[in-house]
Amino acid sequence: MSDTPPDRLSVDPSSPYHDAEALQRGVGVRFKGEEKTNVEEYCVSEGWVRLALGNRVDRKGKALTVKLQGTVEPYFQNG
């Protein structure tokens, strides 16, 4: 496995961008220079993150999210 996290990653197992190996390794995300711990999905090339809104869920049990634009810097926490 490479030392750079994927360009796009999601924590949702039903997403085509879910990568269990990368998530097990531990991926941290800095958004606009600030560490974020509630990131559900990110895309470096498009410059956005999808953040969970507290513990709120929709009727299917998935976290409610908000999509924000800005500089995204993912990194591996363990490795």
C-alpha atoms as a PDB file:
ATOM      1  CA  MET A   1       0.000   0.000   0.000  1.00  0.00           C
ATOM      2  CA  SER A   2       1.252   3.503  -0.785  1.00  0.00           C
ATOM      3  CA  ASP A   3       2.010   6.202   1.767  1.00  0.00           C
ATOM      4  CA  THR A   4      -0.624   8.564   0.378  1.00  0.00           C
ATOM      5  CA  PRO A   5      -4.323   8.162   1.192  1.00  0.00           C
ATOM      6  CA  PRO A   6      -6.787   7.738  -1.687  1.00  0.00           C
ATOM      7  CA  ASP A   7      -8.058  10.818  -3.548  1.00  0.00           C
ATOM      8  CA  ARG A   8     -11.601  10.032  -2.469  1.00  0.00           C
ATOM      9  CA  LEU A   9     -12.688   7.988   0.537  1.00  0.00           C
ATOM     10  CA  SER A  10     -15.967   7.216   2.298  1.00  0.00           C
ATOM     11  CA  VAL A  11     -16.720   5.521   5.618  1.00  0.00           C
ATOM     12  CA  ASP A  12     -20.059   4.200   4.261  1.00  0.00           C
ATOM     13  CA  PRO A  13     -19.631   0.502   3.291  1.00  0.00           C
ATOM     14  CA  SER A  14     -22.269   0.819   0.535  1.00  0.00           C
ATOM     15  CA  SER A  15     -20.290   3.588  -1.214  1.00  0.00           C
ATOM     16  CA  PRO A  16     -18.091   2.760  -4.235  1.00  0.00           C
ATOM     17  CA  TYR A  17     -15.366   4.898  -2.575  1.00  0.00           C
ATOM     18  CA  HIS A  18     -15.225   2.803   0.617  1.00  0.00           C
ATOM     19  CA  ASP A  19     -11.755   1.329   1.240  1.00  0.00           C
ATOM     20  CA  ALA A  20     -11.661  -0.874   4.344  1.00  0.00           C
ATOM     21  CA  GLU A  21      -7.856  -1.280   4.249  1.00  0.00           C
ATOM     22  CA  ALA A  22      -7.229   2.473   4.262  1.00  0.00           C
ATOM     23  CA  LEU A  23      -9.773   3.026   7.030  1.00  0.00           C
ATOM     24  CA  GLN A  24      -8.212   0.273   9.155  1.00  0.00           C
ATOM     25  CA  ARG A  25      -4.844   1.926   8.752  1.00  0.00           C
ATOM     26  CA  GLY A  26      -6.342   5.169  10.053  1.00  0.00           C
ATOM     27  CA  VAL A  27      -6.927   8.219   7.862  1.00  0.00           C
ATOM     28  CA  GLY A  28      -6.953  11.705   9.359  1.00  0.00           C
ATOM     29  CA  VAL A  29      -8.279  14.754   7.527  1.00  0.00           C
ATOM     30  CA  ARG A  30      -7.279  18.400   7.784  1.00  0.00           C
ATOM     31  CA  PHE A  31      -9.875  20.717   6.256  1.00  0.00           C
ATOM     32  CA  LYS A  32      -8.809  24.345   5.742  1.00  0.00           C
ATOM     33  CA  GLY A  33      -5.887  23.662   8.091  1.00  0.00           C
ATOM     34  CA  GLU A  34      -8.085  22.370  10.933  1.00  0.00           C
ATOM     35  CA  GLU A  35      -8.244  18.743  12.112  1.00  0.00           C
ATOM     36  CA  LYS A  36     -11.699  17.213  11.541  1.00  0.00           C
ATOM     37  CA  THR A  37     -12.908  14.047  13.280  1.00  0.00           C
ATOM     38  CA  ASN A  38     -16.469  13.879  11.914  1.00  0.00           C
ATOM     39  CA  VAL A  39     -15.644  13.399   8.212  1.00  0.00           C
ATOM     40  CA  GLU A  40     -17.942  10.901   6.466  1.00  0.00           C
ATOM     41  CA  GLU A  41     -16.425  11.340   2.972  1.00  0.00           C
ATOM     42  CA  TYR A  42     -13.829  13.518   1.256  1.00  0.00           C
ATOM     43  CA  CYS A  43     -12.453  14.249  -2.224  1.00  0.00           C
ATOM     44  CA  VAL A  44      -9.067  15.943  -2.578  1.00  0.00           C
ATOM     45  CA  SER A  45      -9.214  16.645  -6.331  1.00  0.00           C
ATOM     46  CA  GLU A  46     -12.652  18.293  -6.124  1.00  0.00           C
ATOM     47  CA  GLY A  47     -11.849  20.025  -2.796  1.00  0.00           C
ATOM     48  CA  TRP A  48     -14.747  19.039  -0.546  1.00  0.00           C
ATOM     49  CA  VAL A  49     -15.586  17.118   2.616  1.00  0.00           C
ATOM     50  CA  ARG A  50     -18.871  15.710   3.841  1.00  0.00           C
ATOM     51  CA  LEU A  51     -19.222  16.172   7.610  1.00  0.00           C
ATOM     52  CA  ALA A  52     -21.685  14.432   9.938  1.00  0.00           C
ATOM     53  CA  LEU A  53     -24.134  16.690  11.764  1.00  0.00           C
ATOM     54  CA  GLY A  54     -23.863  15.441  15.338  1.00  0.00           C
ATOM     55  CA  ASN A  55     -25.669  12.166  15.961  1.00  0.00           C
ATOM     56  CA  ARG A  56     -28.662  12.904  13.723  1.00  0.00           C
ATOM     57  CA  VAL A  57     -29.692  10.224  11.238  1.00  0.00           C
ATOM     58  CA  ASP A  58     -32.111  10.029   8.325  1.00  0.00           C
ATOM     59  CA  ARG A  59     -34.986   7.545   8.104  1.00  0.00           C
ATOM     60  CA  LYS A  60     -32.623   4.866   6.738  1.00  0.00           C
ATOM     61  CA  GLY A  61     -30.236   5.202   9.695  1.00  0.00           C
ATOM     62  CA  LYS A  62     -27.446   7.019   7.825  1.00  0.00           C
ATOM     63  CA  ALA A  63     -25.827  10.111   9.321  1.00  0.00           C
ATOM     64  CA  LEU A  64     -27.098  13.494   8.145  1.00  0.00           C
ATOM     65  CA  THR A  65     -24.240  15.347   6.478  1.00  0.00           C
ATOM     66  CA  VAL A  66     -23.254  18.735   5.099  1.00  0.00           C
ATOM     67  CA  LYS A  67     -20.873  19.178   2.156  1.00  0.00           C
ATOM     68  CA  LEU A  68     -18.251  21.923   2.515  1.00  0.00           C
ATOM     69  CA  GLN A  69     -15.788  23.251  -0.085  1.00  0.00           C
ATOM     70  CA  GLY A  70     -12.151  23.998   0.710  1.00  0.00           C
ATOM     71  CA  THR A  71      -8.622  22.632   0.972  1.00  0.00           C
ATOM     72  CA  VAL A  72      -8.561  18.939   1.979  1.00  0.00           C
ATOM     73  CA  GLU A  73      -5.370  17.305   3.325  1.00  0.00           C
ATOM     74  CA  PRO A  74      -5.739  13.592   4.168  1.00  0.00           C
ATOM     75  CA  TYR A  75      -2.949  11.669   5.895  1.00  0.00           C
ATOM     76  CA  PHE A  76      -2.382   8.244   7.439  1.00  0.00           C
ATOM     77  CA  GLN A  77      -2.385   8.316  11.248  1.00  0.00           C
ATOM     78  CA  ASN A  78      -0.758   4.899  11.734  1.00  0.00           C
ATOM     79  CA  GLY A  79       1.802   3.551   9.488  1.00  0.00           C
END
